[in-house]
N, C-alpha and C. Protein backbone atom coordinates (compact mmCIF):
# COMPACT_ATOMS: atom_id res chain seq x y z
N MET A 1 0.82 -1.17 0.14
CA MET A 1 -0.18 0.14 0.15
C MET A 1 1.22 0.78 0.14
N LYS A 2 0.93 2.44 -0.86
CA LYS A 2 1.71 3.37 -0.81
C LYS A 2 1.12 4.44 -0.41
N THR A 3 1.55 5.50 0.43
CA THR A 3 1.16 6.43 1.22
C THR A 3 0.03 5.71 2.28
N VAL A 4 -0.43 5.15 2.85
CA VAL A 4 -1.47 4.75 3.48
C VAL A 4 -1.70 5.62 4.31
N LYS A 5 -2.57 6.30 5.02
CA LYS A 5 -3.45 7.37 5.05
C LYS A 5 -4.18 6.68 6.62
N ASN A 6 -4.74 5.67 5.87
CA ASN A 6 -5.77 4.88 7.26
C ASN A 6 -5.02 3.84 7.52
N CYS A 7 -4.53 3.93 8.55
CA CYS A 7 -3.80 2.31 8.48
C CYS A 7 -4.76 1.18 9.22
N ASP A 8 -5.97 1.41 9.25
CA ASP A 8 -6.69 0.98 10.27
C ASP A 8 -7.33 -0.42 8.86
N LEU A 9 -7.37 0.33 7.53
CA LEU A 9 -7.49 -0.42 5.94
C LEU A 9 -6.57 -1.70 5.86
N ILE A 10 -5.21 -1.69 6.49
CA ILE A 10 -3.71 -2.52 6.17
C ILE A 10 -4.47 -4.08 6.53
N LYS A 11 -4.57 -5.00 5.68
CA LYS A 11 -5.42 -6.20 5.80
C LYS A 11 -4.31 -7.21 6.03
N ARG A 12 -4.75 -8.06 6.48
CA ARG A 12 -3.86 -9.46 6.84
C ARG A 12 -3.19 -9.95 6.22
N THR A 13 -2.45 -10.97 5.68
CA THR A 13 -1.88 -11.85 4.35
C THR A 13 -1.92 -12.81 4.45
N ASN A 14 -2.14 -13.82 3.81
CA ASN A 14 -2.46 -14.85 3.66
C ASN A 14 -1.33 -15.72 4.68
N ASN A 15 0.11 -15.11 4.44
CA ASN A 15 1.23 -15.96 5.12
C ASN A 15 1.48 -15.31 6.70
N GLU A 16 0.98 -14.47 7.06
CA GLU A 16 1.33 -13.79 8.38
C GLU A 16 0.56 -13.99 9.54
N SER A 17 0.56 -13.88 10.70
CA SER A 17 -0.36 -14.13 12.34
C SER A 17 -0.49 -12.52 12.08
N SER A 18 -1.57 -13.03 12.89
CA SER A 18 -2.44 -11.46 13.46
C SER A 18 -1.47 -10.45 14.07
N HIS A 19 -0.60 -10.95 14.95
CA HIS A 19 0.57 -9.69 15.51
C HIS A 19 1.39 -9.10 14.47
N VAL A 20 1.39 -9.95 13.12
CA VAL A 20 2.15 -9.49 12.45
C VAL A 20 1.64 -8.12 11.73
N THR A 21 0.07 -8.38 11.65
CA THR A 21 -0.52 -7.50 11.07
C THR A 21 -0.67 -6.35 11.93
N ASP A 22 -1.20 -6.58 13.44
CA ASP A 22 -1.19 -5.41 14.19
C ASP A 22 -0.15 -4.32 14.30
N MET A 23 1.47 -5.24 13.84
CA MET A 23 2.66 -4.87 14.50
C MET A 23 2.49 -3.47 12.94
N LYS A 24 2.00 -4.25 11.64
CA LYS A 24 2.33 -2.91 10.78
C LYS A 24 1.42 -2.02 11.44
N ARG A 25 -0.33 -2.25 11.69
CA ARG A 25 -0.80 -1.01 11.67
C ARG A 25 -0.48 0.12 12.95
N MET A 26 0.14 -0.69 14.01
CA MET A 26 0.70 -0.13 14.89
C MET A 26 2.09 0.84 13.88
N LEU A 27 2.74 0.45 13.64
CA LEU A 27 3.80 1.11 12.93
C LEU A 27 3.38 2.28 12.12
N CYS A 28 2.72 2.13 11.41
CA CYS A 28 1.76 3.09 10.52
C CYS A 28 1.06 4.15 10.93
N LYS A 29 0.66 4.25 11.49
CA LYS A 29 0.06 4.91 12.99
C LYS A 29 0.83 6.07 13.41
N LEU A 30 2.00 5.24 14.16
CA LEU A 30 2.72 5.91 14.84
C LEU A 30 3.82 6.82 13.99
N GLY A 31 3.90 5.99 12.67
CA GLY A 31 4.71 6.60 11.53
C GLY A 31 3.67 8.60 11.04
N ASN A 32 2.77 8.02 10.97
CA ASN A 32 1.44 8.96 10.51
C ASN A 32 2.02 9.80 11.47
N LYS A 33 1.66 10.01 13.00
CA LYS A 33 1.99 10.83 13.99
C LYS A 33 3.05 11.42 14.00
N LEU A 34 4.20 11.19 13.33
CA LEU A 34 5.65 11.30 13.36
C LEU A 34 5.97 12.16 12.20
N ASN A 35 4.60 12.15 11.14
CA ASN A 35 4.95 13.04 9.84
C ASN A 35 5.72 12.84 9.21
N PHE A 36 5.75 10.98 8.99
CA PHE A 36 6.17 10.28 8.21
C PHE A 36 5.49 9.80 6.94
N SER A 37 5.63 9.57 5.63
CA SER A 37 4.82 9.05 4.67
C SER A 37 5.01 7.55 4.74
N VAL A 38 3.89 6.57 4.90
CA VAL A 38 4.26 5.26 5.22
C VAL A 38 3.80 4.80 4.13
N ASP A 39 4.42 3.82 3.65
CA ASP A 39 3.91 2.47 2.60
C ASP A 39 4.39 1.51 3.70
N ILE A 40 3.18 -0.17 3.25
CA ILE A 40 3.30 -1.43 3.89
C ILE A 40 2.77 -2.00 2.36
N GLU A 41 4.35 -2.64 2.63
CA GLU A 41 4.94 -3.92 1.81
C GLU A 41 5.14 -3.41 0.50
N GLU A 42 5.42 -2.59 0.07
CA GLU A 42 5.85 -2.33 -0.93
C GLU A 42 7.42 -1.90 -1.18
N ALA A 43 8.12 -2.30 -2.51
CA ALA A 43 9.28 -2.19 -2.49
C ALA A 43 9.36 -0.45 -2.37
N PRO A 44 10.60 0.10 -1.74
CA PRO A 44 10.86 1.41 -1.90
C PRO A 44 11.26 1.78 -2.79
N GLU A 45 10.67 3.33 -2.90
CA GLU A 45 10.91 4.34 -4.47
C GLU A 45 12.40 3.99 -4.79
N SER A 46 12.54 3.91 -5.45
CA SER A 46 14.45 3.85 -5.76
C SER A 46 14.82 3.96 -7.57
N GLU A 47 15.86 3.82 -7.77
CA GLU A 47 16.48 4.19 -9.23
C GLU A 47 16.62 3.02 -10.02
N LEU A 48 16.59 1.78 -8.95
CA LEU A 48 16.83 0.58 -9.29
C LEU A 48 15.74 -0.42 -9.59
N GLY A 49 14.54 0.85 -9.21
CA GLY A 49 13.61 -0.53 -9.80
C GLY A 49 12.32 -1.55 -9.19
N ASP A 50 12.90 -2.61 -9.96
CA ASP A 50 12.43 -4.05 -9.87
C ASP A 50 13.30 -4.50 -8.91
N LEU A 51 14.82 -4.01 -8.62
CA LEU A 51 16.02 -4.57 -8.48
C LEU A 51 15.62 -4.40 -6.56
N ILE A 52 14.99 -3.82 -6.18
CA ILE A 52 15.11 -3.70 -4.99
C ILE A 52 14.11 -4.65 -4.05
N THR A 53 14.30 -4.47 -2.54
CA THR A 53 13.87 -5.45 -1.98
C THR A 53 12.35 -5.07 -0.80
N ARG A 54 11.32 -5.66 -0.90
CA ARG A 54 10.39 -5.25 -0.65
C ARG A 54 10.65 -5.32 0.99
N HIS A 55 9.79 -4.09 1.80
CA HIS A 55 10.14 -4.30 3.76
C HIS A 55 8.40 -4.12 3.88
N ASP A 56 8.56 -4.73 4.95
CA ASP A 56 6.95 -4.52 5.72
C ASP A 56 6.46 -3.54 6.12
N VAL A 57 7.27 -2.65 6.36
CA VAL A 57 6.88 -1.17 6.56
C VAL A 57 7.80 -0.10 6.09
N ILE A 58 7.58 1.09 5.45
CA ILE A 58 8.53 1.96 5.36
C ILE A 58 8.07 3.40 5.84
N TRP A 59 9.21 4.28 6.30
CA TRP A 59 8.44 5.36 6.50
C TRP A 59 9.46 6.94 5.86
N TYR A 60 9.15 7.02 5.16
CA TYR A 60 9.64 8.01 4.23
C TYR A 60 9.74 9.62 4.56
N LYS A 61 10.85 10.77 4.60
CA LYS A 61 10.70 11.97 4.98
C LYS A 61 10.91 12.72 3.08
N GLN A 62 10.43 14.02 3.07
CA GLN A 62 10.21 14.46 1.69
C GLN A 62 11.53 14.86 1.96
N ARG A 63 12.57 14.87 0.51
CA ARG A 63 14.03 14.92 0.34
C ARG A 63 13.87 16.32 0.49
N PRO A 64 15.15 16.87 1.10
CA PRO A 64 15.62 17.84 1.22
C PRO A 64 15.84 18.87 0.04
N ASP A 65 15.03 20.24 0.20
CA ASP A 65 15.45 21.42 -0.84
C ASP A 65 16.58 21.12 -1.26
N TRP A 66 17.73 21.63 0.03
CA TRP A 66 19.08 21.30 -0.69
C TRP A 66 19.73 20.37 -1.67
N TYR A 67 19.11 19.14 -1.77
CA TYR A 67 19.38 18.08 -2.07
C TYR A 67 18.84 17.86 -3.83
N ASP A 68 17.92 18.35 -3.72
CA ASP A 68 16.99 18.91 -5.44
C ASP A 68 17.75 19.84 -6.38
N LYS A 69 18.50 20.76 -5.31
CA LYS A 69 19.06 22.10 -6.11
C LYS A 69 20.69 21.50 -6.11
N LEU A 70 21.21 20.98 -5.59
CA LEU A 70 22.58 20.30 -5.57
C LEU A 70 22.41 19.36 -6.49
N ASN A 71 21.45 18.44 -6.91
CA ASN A 71 21.03 17.60 -8.23
C ASN A 71 20.51 18.20 -9.48
N SER A 72 20.02 19.24 -9.37
CA SER A 72 19.75 19.92 -10.52
C SER A 72 21.26 20.59 -11.07
N PHE A 73 22.09 20.64 -10.68
CA PHE A 73 23.38 21.66 -10.50
C PHE A 73 24.02 19.79 -11.75
N LEU A 74 23.66 19.02 -10.99
CA LEU A 74 24.48 17.90 -11.64
C LEU A 74 23.80 17.61 -13.32
N THR A 75 22.39 17.67 -13.22
CA THR A 75 22.13 17.27 -14.14
C THR A 75 21.63 18.58 -15.38
N ASP A 76 21.81 19.64 -14.75
CA ASP A 76 22.09 20.97 -15.70
C ASP A 76 23.55 20.10 -16.39
N GLU A 77 24.60 20.41 -15.97
CA GLU A 77 26.34 19.76 -16.18
C GLU A 77 25.96 18.78 -17.23
N SER A 78 25.22 17.99 -17.04
CA SER A 78 25.00 16.85 -18.16
C SER A 78 24.67 16.79 -19.32
N LYS A 79 24.12 18.10 -19.43
CA LYS A 79 23.08 18.57 -20.80
C LYS A 79 24.31 19.07 -21.46
N GLU A 80 24.89 20.28 -20.57
CA GLU A 80 26.11 21.01 -20.99
C GLU A 80 27.17 20.00 -22.21
N ASP A 81 27.16 18.81 -21.20
CA ASP A 81 29.06 19.03 -21.28
C ASP A 81 28.30 17.30 -21.39
N SER A 82 27.54 16.58 -22.19
CA SER A 82 27.42 15.13 -21.72
C SER A 82 28.31 14.03 -22.31
N LYS A 83 29.26 15.05 -23.25
CA LYS A 83 30.18 13.50 -23.53
C LYS A 83 30.95 13.23 -22.46
N HIS A 84 31.11 13.71 -21.60
CA HIS A 84 32.00 13.38 -20.21
C HIS A 84 31.59 12.38 -19.31
N LEU A 85 30.09 12.27 -19.30
CA LEU A 85 28.98 11.65 -18.64
C LEU A 85 28.76 10.35 -19.81
N THR A 86 28.44 9.13 -18.45
CA THR A 86 28.37 7.67 -19.59
C THR A 86 26.89 8.21 -19.57
N GLU A 87 25.86 7.14 -19.96
CA GLU A 87 24.60 7.41 -20.51
C GLU A 87 23.90 6.66 -19.12
N LYS A 88 24.74 5.74 -18.61
CA LYS A 88 24.29 4.95 -17.54
C LYS A 88 24.12 6.30 -16.48
N TYR A 89 25.56 6.95 -16.60
CA TYR A 89 25.04 7.91 -14.62
C TYR A 89 24.37 8.87 -15.11
N GLU A 90 24.14 9.26 -16.52
CA GLU A 90 22.60 10.67 -16.58
C GLU A 90 21.37 9.50 -16.19
N LYS A 91 21.32 8.40 -16.98
CA LYS A 91 20.03 7.67 -16.43
C LYS A 91 19.72 7.66 -14.77
N HIS A 92 21.29 7.63 -14.27
CA HIS A 92 20.77 7.93 -12.80
C HIS A 92 20.57 9.02 -11.87
N LEU A 93 20.97 10.03 -12.89
CA LEU A 93 21.01 11.43 -12.30
C LEU A 93 19.18 11.82 -12.27
N LEU A 94 18.84 11.06 -13.71
CA LEU A 94 17.37 11.45 -14.25
C LEU A 94 16.35 10.62 -12.95
N ASP A 95 16.81 9.48 -12.88
CA ASP A 95 16.00 8.25 -12.11
C ASP A 95 15.55 8.97 -10.68
N LYS A 96 16.89 9.41 -10.05
CA LYS A 96 16.81 10.05 -8.86
C LYS A 96 16.05 10.87 -8.76
N GLN A 97 15.93 11.96 -10.17
CA GLN A 97 15.25 13.09 -9.84
C GLN A 97 13.52 12.69 -9.60
N ARG A 98 13.09 11.58 -10.23
CA ARG A 98 11.86 11.32 -10.01
C ARG A 98 11.49 11.01 -8.64
N ILE A 99 12.48 10.57 -7.83
CA ILE A 99 11.53 10.33 -6.35
C ILE A 99 11.51 11.26 -5.39
N ASN A 100 10.53 11.65 -5.10
CA ASN A 100 10.17 12.34 -4.14
C ASN A 100 10.48 12.41 -3.17
N ARG A 101 10.72 11.12 -2.24
CA ARG A 101 11.15 11.05 -0.69
C ARG A 101 11.88 10.14 -0.79
N MET A 102 12.84 10.06 0.68
CA MET A 102 13.76 9.50 0.93
C MET A 102 13.28 8.93 2.05
N ILE A 103 13.93 7.34 2.05
CA ILE A 103 13.37 6.33 2.99
C ILE A 103 14.31 6.64 4.07
N TYR A 104 13.55 6.93 5.41
CA TYR A 104 14.17 7.21 6.44
C TYR A 104 14.43 5.73 7.52
N VAL A 105 13.24 5.52 7.41
CA VAL A 105 13.09 4.18 8.71
C VAL A 105 12.56 2.98 7.62
N ALA A 106 13.24 1.65 7.58
CA ALA A 106 12.65 0.51 6.72
C ALA A 106 12.70 -0.76 8.19
N PHE A 107 11.41 -1.05 8.50
CA PHE A 107 11.23 -2.17 9.13
C PHE A 107 11.30 -4.07 8.56
N GLU A 108 11.41 -4.80 9.14
CA GLU A 108 11.09 -5.98 8.44
C GLU A 108 10.57 -6.60 10.27
N ILE A 109 9.56 -6.84 10.14
CA ILE A 109 8.69 -7.96 11.28
C ILE A 109 9.24 -9.16 11.30
N GLU A 110 9.28 -9.73 12.09
CA GLU A 110 9.83 -11.73 11.80
C GLU A 110 8.24 -12.18 12.64
N GLY A 111 7.53 -12.87 12.35
CA GLY A 111 6.58 -13.03 13.47
C GLY A 111 6.84 -14.56 13.49
N SER A 112 7.78 -15.12 12.75
CA SER A 112 7.84 -16.21 13.48
C SER A 112 9.30 -16.62 13.55
N ASP A 113 9.99 -18.47 13.43
CA ASP A 113 11.42 -18.49 13.74
C ASP A 113 11.71 -18.31 12.26
N CYS A 114 13.63 -17.61 12.09
CA CYS A 114 13.42 -17.57 10.86
C CYS A 114 15.22 -18.44 10.68
N LEU A 115 15.90 -18.60 9.62
CA LEU A 115 16.86 -19.34 9.75
C LEU A 115 17.83 -18.02 9.64
N THR A 116 19.28 -18.56 10.21
CA THR A 116 20.70 -17.72 9.90
C THR A 116 20.39 -16.78 8.58
N LYS A 117 20.71 -17.65 7.98
CA LYS A 117 20.63 -17.47 6.00
C LYS A 117 19.87 -16.28 6.00
N SER A 118 18.35 -16.13 6.54
CA SER A 118 17.29 -15.36 6.36
C SER A 118 17.96 -14.00 7.15
N MET A 119 18.32 -14.35 8.28
CA MET A 119 18.52 -13.16 9.13
C MET A 119 19.60 -12.25 8.48
N LYS A 120 20.62 -12.79 7.75
CA LYS A 120 21.97 -12.17 7.40
C LYS A 120 21.40 -11.32 5.62
N GLY A 121 20.45 -11.81 5.19
CA GLY A 121 19.71 -11.24 4.26
C GLY A 121 18.96 -10.28 4.94
N CYS A 122 18.06 -10.51 5.71
CA CYS A 122 17.61 -9.68 6.50
C CYS A 122 18.32 -7.78 6.77
N ILE A 123 19.16 -8.23 7.19
CA ILE A 123 19.95 -7.07 7.65
C ILE A 123 20.79 -6.97 6.81
N SER A 124 21.52 -7.27 6.01
CA SER A 124 22.04 -6.97 4.73
C SER A 124 21.11 -6.04 4.29
N ASN A 125 19.88 -6.03 3.51
CA ASN A 125 18.80 -5.57 2.76
C ASN A 125 18.59 -4.36 3.77
N LEU A 126 18.49 -3.99 4.91
CA LEU A 126 17.87 -3.10 5.63
C LEU A 126 19.77 -2.43 6.13
N SER A 127 20.49 -2.37 5.87
CA SER A 127 21.94 -2.06 6.41
C SER A 127 22.19 -0.75 5.46
N LYS A 128 21.71 -0.50 4.29
CA LYS A 128 21.76 0.66 3.37
C LYS A 128 20.77 1.75 3.61
N TYR A 129 19.94 2.03 4.73
CA TYR A 129 19.35 3.17 5.09
C TYR A 129 19.52 3.71 6.21
N PRO A 130 19.36 4.63 6.51
CA PRO A 130 19.66 5.54 7.82
C PRO A 130 19.38 4.81 9.17
N TYR A 131 17.61 4.06 9.18
CA TYR A 131 17.62 3.57 9.97
C TYR A 131 17.21 2.00 9.29
N GLY A 132 17.64 0.57 10.28
CA GLY A 132 16.68 -0.13 9.51
C GLY A 132 16.66 -0.91 10.75
N ILE A 133 15.24 -1.67 10.93
CA ILE A 133 15.03 -2.01 12.39
C ILE A 133 14.48 -3.09 12.42
N ILE A 134 14.61 -4.34 12.82
CA ILE A 134 13.62 -5.38 12.54
C ILE A 134 13.41 -5.65 13.93
N ILE A 135 12.16 -6.28 14.21
CA ILE A 135 11.28 -6.70 15.09
C ILE A 135 10.77 -7.96 15.03
N VAL A 136 11.20 -8.36 16.17
CA VAL A 136 11.16 -10.01 17.17
C VAL A 136 10.22 -10.07 17.71
N LYS A 137 9.36 -11.37 17.68
CA LYS A 137 8.73 -11.56 18.31
C LYS A 137 9.11 -12.25 20.13
N LYS A 138 10.38 -12.68 19.66
CA LYS A 138 10.44 -14.02 20.88
C LYS A 138 11.68 -13.41 21.30
N ASP A 139 12.63 -13.78 22.58
CA ASP A 139 13.62 -13.28 22.68
C ASP A 139 14.76 -14.01 22.36
N PRO A 140 14.67 -15.12 22.59
CA PRO A 140 15.36 -16.14 21.74
C PRO A 140 15.72 -15.56 20.22
N ASP A 141 15.02 -15.66 19.28
CA ASP A 141 15.12 -15.01 18.08
C ASP A 141 15.71 -13.68 18.42
N ARG A 142 15.75 -12.52 19.07
CA ARG A 142 16.38 -11.24 19.57
C ARG A 142 17.86 -11.51 19.79
N ARG A 143 17.94 -12.75 20.24
CA ARG A 143 19.58 -12.79 20.89
C ARG A 143 20.15 -13.57 19.68
N ARG A 144 19.17 -14.61 18.99
CA ARG A 144 20.05 -15.06 17.45
C ARG A 144 20.24 -13.75 16.64
N PHE A 145 19.28 -13.00 16.19
CA PHE A 145 19.50 -11.96 15.60
C PHE A 145 20.87 -10.99 16.16
N GLU A 146 20.64 -10.50 17.25
CA GLU A 146 22.06 -9.97 17.50
C GLU A 146 23.22 -10.60 16.88
N LYS A 147 23.38 -11.97 17.75
CA LYS A 147 24.59 -12.30 16.97
C LYS A 147 25.25 -12.08 15.56
N VAL A 148 23.60 -12.40 15.08
CA VAL A 148 24.13 -12.39 13.72
C VAL A 148 24.09 -10.71 12.83
N LEU A 149 23.97 -10.15 13.77
CA LEU A 149 24.09 -8.29 13.49
C LEU A 149 25.62 -8.27 14.14
N LEU A 150 26.09 -8.70 15.08
CA LEU A 150 27.87 -8.54 15.22
C LEU A 150 28.44 -9.06 14.78
N GLU A 151 27.75 -10.47 13.68
CA GLU A 151 28.91 -10.89 12.65
C GLU A 151 28.93 -10.02 11.56
N PHE A 152 28.00 -9.75 11.29
CA PHE A 152 27.63 -8.42 9.85
C PHE A 152 28.15 -7.73 9.89
N GLN A 153 28.40 -7.12 11.05
CA GLN A 153 29.13 -5.68 11.20
C GLN A 153 30.56 -5.79 11.40
N LYS A 154 31.36 -7.38 11.85
CA LYS A 154 32.46 -7.37 11.97
C LYS A 154 32.93 -7.25 10.41
N ILE A 155 32.07 -8.20 9.58
CA ILE A 155 32.64 -8.53 8.02
C ILE A 155 32.63 -6.95 7.63
N HIS A 156 30.93 -6.60 7.51
CA HIS A 156 31.12 -5.28 6.84
C HIS A 156 31.18 -3.54 7.18
N GLY A 157 31.38 -3.94 8.33
CA GLY A 157 31.47 -2.59 9.37
C GLY A 157 30.44 -2.18 9.89
N PRO A 158 30.36 -1.23 10.41
CA PRO A 158 28.84 -0.94 11.42
C PRO A 158 27.78 0.13 10.31
N ASN A 159 27.04 -0.45 10.92
CA ASN A 159 25.43 -0.13 10.28
C ASN A 159 24.27 0.35 11.05
N ASN A 160 23.17 1.41 11.24
CA ASN A 160 22.19 1.76 11.74
C ASN A 160 20.96 0.63 11.99
N VAL A 161 21.45 -0.89 11.73
CA VAL A 161 20.31 -1.83 12.09
C VAL A 161 20.09 -2.36 13.39
N ILE A 162 19.20 -2.10 13.78
CA ILE A 162 19.11 -2.49 15.24
C ILE A 162 17.72 -3.62 15.43
N ILE A 163 18.09 -4.41 16.38
CA ILE A 163 16.89 -5.51 16.45
C ILE A 163 15.97 -5.15 17.78
N VAL A 164 14.61 -4.98 17.34
CA VAL A 164 13.45 -5.10 18.94
C VAL A 164 13.01 -5.85 19.21
N SER A 165 12.00 -5.96 20.05
CA SER A 165 10.93 -6.71 20.52
C SER A 165 9.13 -6.28 19.87
N TYR A 166 8.77 -6.53 19.62
CA TYR A 166 7.32 -6.09 20.10
C TYR A 166 6.94 -5.19 20.99
N ASN A 167 7.52 -5.63 21.93
CA ASN A 167 7.37 -5.16 23.13
C ASN A 167 7.38 -3.37 22.96
N ASP A 168 8.81 -3.49 22.74
CA ASP A 168 10.09 -2.19 22.32
C ASP A 168 8.62 -1.24 21.73
N MET A 169 8.58 -1.81 20.63
CA MET A 169 8.10 -0.96 19.62
C MET A 169 6.46 -0.40 20.37
N GLN A 170 6.02 -1.32 20.80
CA GLN A 170 4.56 -0.80 21.70
C GLN A 170 4.81 -0.10 22.36
N ASN A 171 5.94 0.03 23.21
CA ASN A 171 6.63 1.07 24.19
C ASN A 171 6.52 2.42 23.93
N LEU A 172 7.05 1.97 22.55
CA LEU A 172 7.59 3.49 21.40
C LEU A 172 5.96 4.19 21.90
N ALA A 173 4.93 3.58 21.05
CA ALA A 173 3.82 3.99 20.52
C ALA A 173 3.15 4.22 21.10
N ARG A 174 3.29 3.90 22.42
CA ARG A 174 2.55 4.64 23.63
C ARG A 174 3.28 5.92 23.89
N LEU A 175 4.40 6.47 23.77
CA LEU A 175 5.24 7.59 24.04
C LEU A 175 4.59 8.58 23.07
N TYR A 176 3.60 8.25 22.29
CA TYR A 176 3.10 9.62 21.06
C TYR A 176 1.96 8.91 20.71
N PRO A 177 0.70 9.32 21.90
CA PRO A 177 -0.50 8.83 21.70
C PRO A 177 -1.29 9.80 20.80
């Protein structure tokens, strides 16, 4: 669902638990209260098109004005002197201009046990964003995810991915009634 305004309209998908659906609704409401644009179960807006990974919930912010101004200088330069820029780079710049918002937080909600390989993939997919949050239901899953995250960070360096529980997110939501 793109730019969700009525979070109560978020429906349970065939393969998810009611806890996951409730968490999506809660994150949607919280995101709206915090003035984010919220998407549910959508691929993020990106110049990568179909190659990008879908996330359970995404909070967006409008692109800052200074970024658009700086980007316009680059595209003006490419029009004047396109022989120095490859076609792929020009297309990349133009695709970036079509994206009106920037991902601020991406969420993955784990409602059941998952394999270590899936955990690594989840962390990798979230590690490119300013904030990536993995929400787990059970404490044993949280400890396993935290071990995998530490291993991932040793190999790939620090990132802004954190592992939280359902209760942690519910407590945060209570701070913004």
